Amino acid sequence: MRLPEDPRAPLQINIVPMIDVVFAVLAFFILSSLFLTRNEGMTVSLPGARHGEAQPQRQVTVTLDASGATFIGDQPVADGQLLEAVQTLVPHTGGGLVVIRADQSVSHGRVVAIMDRLRALEGIQLAIATDPLVPQP
């Protein structure tokens, strides 16, 4: 036969499992945050300067429209003149960023061919422009 518990005993809440869960969640966030940082080289402590100024990176936009025409900015360019036109806009010493804005109906092969031509220029970086996706309800 089981005896009833003492009704005068204080109630207790065991918080040890809750502490374990909190530490597990904390460890997860700490470890996952380590993978969110960008490693862009070695960490250095740069000296300060009173009269320094930012050097903006030159950006050139190459647009491929749905009809297959190629534009630099809003000026039409023939495929044979693409490299020369981009080279005149991108500085020779610092390189630059070439953003490719291709209509979604343009074939993948055409975009790759343009990127391959632009890779012939030294010191440039290529980027492909996209629109952010709108979540579907």
Protein backbone atom coordinates (compact mmCIF):
# COMPACT_ATOMS: atom_id res chain seq x y z
CA MET A 1 0.00 0.00 0.00
CA ARG A 2 1.28 3.43 -0.96
CA LEU A 3 1.37 6.18 1.60
CA PRO A 4 0.21 9.67 0.58
CA GLU A 5 2.89 12.29 0.22
CA ASP A 6 3.32 14.95 2.83
CA PRO A 7 0.96 17.82 1.84
CA ARG A 8 3.07 20.27 3.81
CA ALA A 9 6.21 19.68 1.72
CA PRO A 10 7.10 22.66 -0.55
CA LEU A 11 6.69 22.22 -4.28
CA GLN A 12 9.90 21.98 -6.28
CA ILE A 13 10.61 22.58 -9.94
CA ASN A 14 13.57 20.78 -11.40
CA ILE A 15 15.31 23.29 -13.74
CA VAL A 16 18.31 21.14 -14.66
CA PRO A 17 16.75 19.90 -17.94
CA MET A 18 15.83 23.49 -18.85
CA ILE A 19 19.42 24.62 -18.27
CA ASP A 20 20.65 21.79 -20.51
CA VAL A 21 18.33 22.91 -23.30
CA VAL A 22 19.40 26.56 -22.96
CA PHE A 23 23.08 25.63 -23.14
CA ALA A 24 22.48 23.40 -26.17
CA VAL A 25 20.67 26.24 -28.00
CA LEU A 26 23.41 28.70 -27.02
CA ALA A 27 26.11 26.33 -28.31
CA PHE A 28 24.20 25.92 -31.59
CA PHE A 29 23.98 29.69 -32.15
CA ILE A 30 27.63 30.24 -31.27
CA LEU A 31 28.81 27.54 -33.65
CA SER A 32 26.48 28.56 -36.47
CA SER A 33 27.53 32.22 -36.17
CA LEU A 34 31.13 31.21 -36.87
CA PHE A 35 30.09 30.11 -40.36
CA LEU A 36 28.31 33.40 -41.12
CA THR A 37 31.43 35.55 -41.13
CA ARG A 38 33.23 36.35 -44.36
CA ASN A 39 36.91 35.68 -44.45
CA GLU A 40 38.29 38.25 -46.85
CA GLY A 41 41.92 37.85 -45.98
CA MET A 42 44.12 38.31 -42.98
CA THR A 43 43.01 40.49 -40.11
CA VAL A 44 45.24 43.53 -39.79
CA SER A 45 45.17 46.69 -37.76
CA LEU A 46 45.23 49.54 -40.26
CA PRO A 47 46.77 52.91 -39.41
CA GLY A 48 44.60 56.00 -39.30
CA ALA A 49 44.85 58.99 -41.64
CA ARG A 50 43.29 62.43 -41.43
CA HIS A 51 43.29 63.21 -45.13
CA GLY A 52 42.41 59.82 -46.61
CA GLU A 53 39.55 59.33 -49.04
CA ALA A 54 37.70 56.29 -50.23
CA GLN A 55 38.55 54.95 -53.65
CA PRO A 56 35.30 53.80 -55.24
CA GLN A 57 35.40 50.73 -57.41
CA ARG A 58 34.43 51.40 -60.98
CA GLN A 59 31.35 49.43 -62.02
CA VAL A 60 30.33 48.72 -65.61
CA THR A 61 26.93 47.22 -66.43
CA VAL A 62 26.55 44.96 -69.47
CA THR A 63 22.89 44.33 -70.31
CA LEU A 64 21.54 41.53 -72.50
CA ASP A 65 17.91 42.16 -73.41
CA ALA A 66 15.25 39.65 -74.49
CA SER A 67 15.87 40.33 -78.20
CA GLY A 68 19.57 39.42 -77.85
CA ALA A 69 21.00 42.94 -78.08
CA THR A 70 23.97 43.88 -75.90
CA PHE A 71 24.24 47.23 -74.12
CA ILE A 72 26.87 48.90 -71.95
CA GLY A 73 24.94 51.21 -69.72
CA ASP A 74 22.21 52.29 -72.15
CA GLN A 75 24.41 52.36 -75.28
CA PRO A 76 24.09 49.45 -77.75
CA VAL A 77 27.33 47.60 -78.48
CA ALA A 78 28.16 44.98 -81.11
CA ASP A 79 29.59 41.70 -79.81
CA GLY A 80 32.90 42.34 -81.56
CA GLN A 81 33.30 45.71 -79.82
CA LEU A 82 32.32 44.54 -76.33
CA LEU A 83 35.86 44.04 -75.01
CA GLU A 84 37.12 47.38 -76.27
CA ALA A 85 34.12 49.22 -74.86
CA VAL A 86 34.46 47.62 -71.43
CA GLN A 87 38.22 48.12 -71.42
CA THR A 88 37.83 51.86 -71.98
CA LEU A 89 35.45 52.12 -69.01
CA VAL A 90 37.38 49.92 -66.56
CA PRO A 91 40.60 51.39 -65.14
CA HIS A 92 43.72 49.44 -66.08
CA THR A 93 45.41 49.53 -62.69
CA GLY A 94 42.68 48.92 -60.12
CA GLY A 95 40.47 46.54 -62.03
CA GLY A 96 36.76 46.89 -61.76
CA LEU A 97 33.45 45.19 -61.44
CA VAL A 98 31.45 44.19 -64.51
CA VAL A 99 27.80 43.44 -63.70
CA ILE A 100 25.91 41.36 -66.24
CA ARG A 101 22.18 42.06 -66.36
CA ALA A 102 20.63 39.40 -68.58
CA ASP A 103 16.92 39.01 -69.23
CA GLN A 104 15.65 35.67 -67.97
CA SER A 105 14.66 34.69 -71.52
CA VAL A 106 18.28 35.01 -72.74
CA SER A 107 19.84 31.57 -73.17
CA HIS A 108 22.36 30.38 -70.64
CA GLY A 109 24.88 29.77 -73.43
CA ARG A 110 24.73 33.41 -74.51
CA VAL A 111 25.40 34.65 -70.98
CA VAL A 112 28.31 32.23 -70.59
CA ALA A 113 29.76 33.33 -73.94
CA ILE A 114 29.66 37.00 -72.85
CA MET A 115 31.25 36.10 -69.52
CA ASP A 116 33.96 34.12 -71.30
CA ARG A 117 34.78 37.10 -73.51
CA LEU A 118 34.95 39.43 -70.54
CA ARG A 119 37.28 37.05 -68.68
CA ALA A 120 39.92 37.91 -71.29
CA LEU A 121 40.29 41.30 -69.59
CA GLU A 122 42.71 41.21 -66.69
CA GLY A 123 41.81 42.49 -63.27
CA ILE A 124 38.04 42.56 -63.60
CA GLN A 125 35.47 40.84 -61.46
CA LEU A 126 32.22 39.55 -62.86
CA ALA A 127 28.84 39.63 -61.17
CA ILE A 128 25.37 38.65 -62.32
CA ALA A 129 22.49 40.93 -61.35
CA THR A 130 19.32 39.35 -59.98
CA ASP A 131 16.08 40.54 -58.45
CA PRO A 132 15.14 39.40 -54.96
CA LEU A 133 12.54 36.65 -54.88
CA VAL A 134 9.17 37.56 -53.46
CA PRO A 135 7.88 34.83 -51.13
CA GLN A 136 4.80 33.06 -52.44
CA PRO A 137 1.77 33.19 -50.12
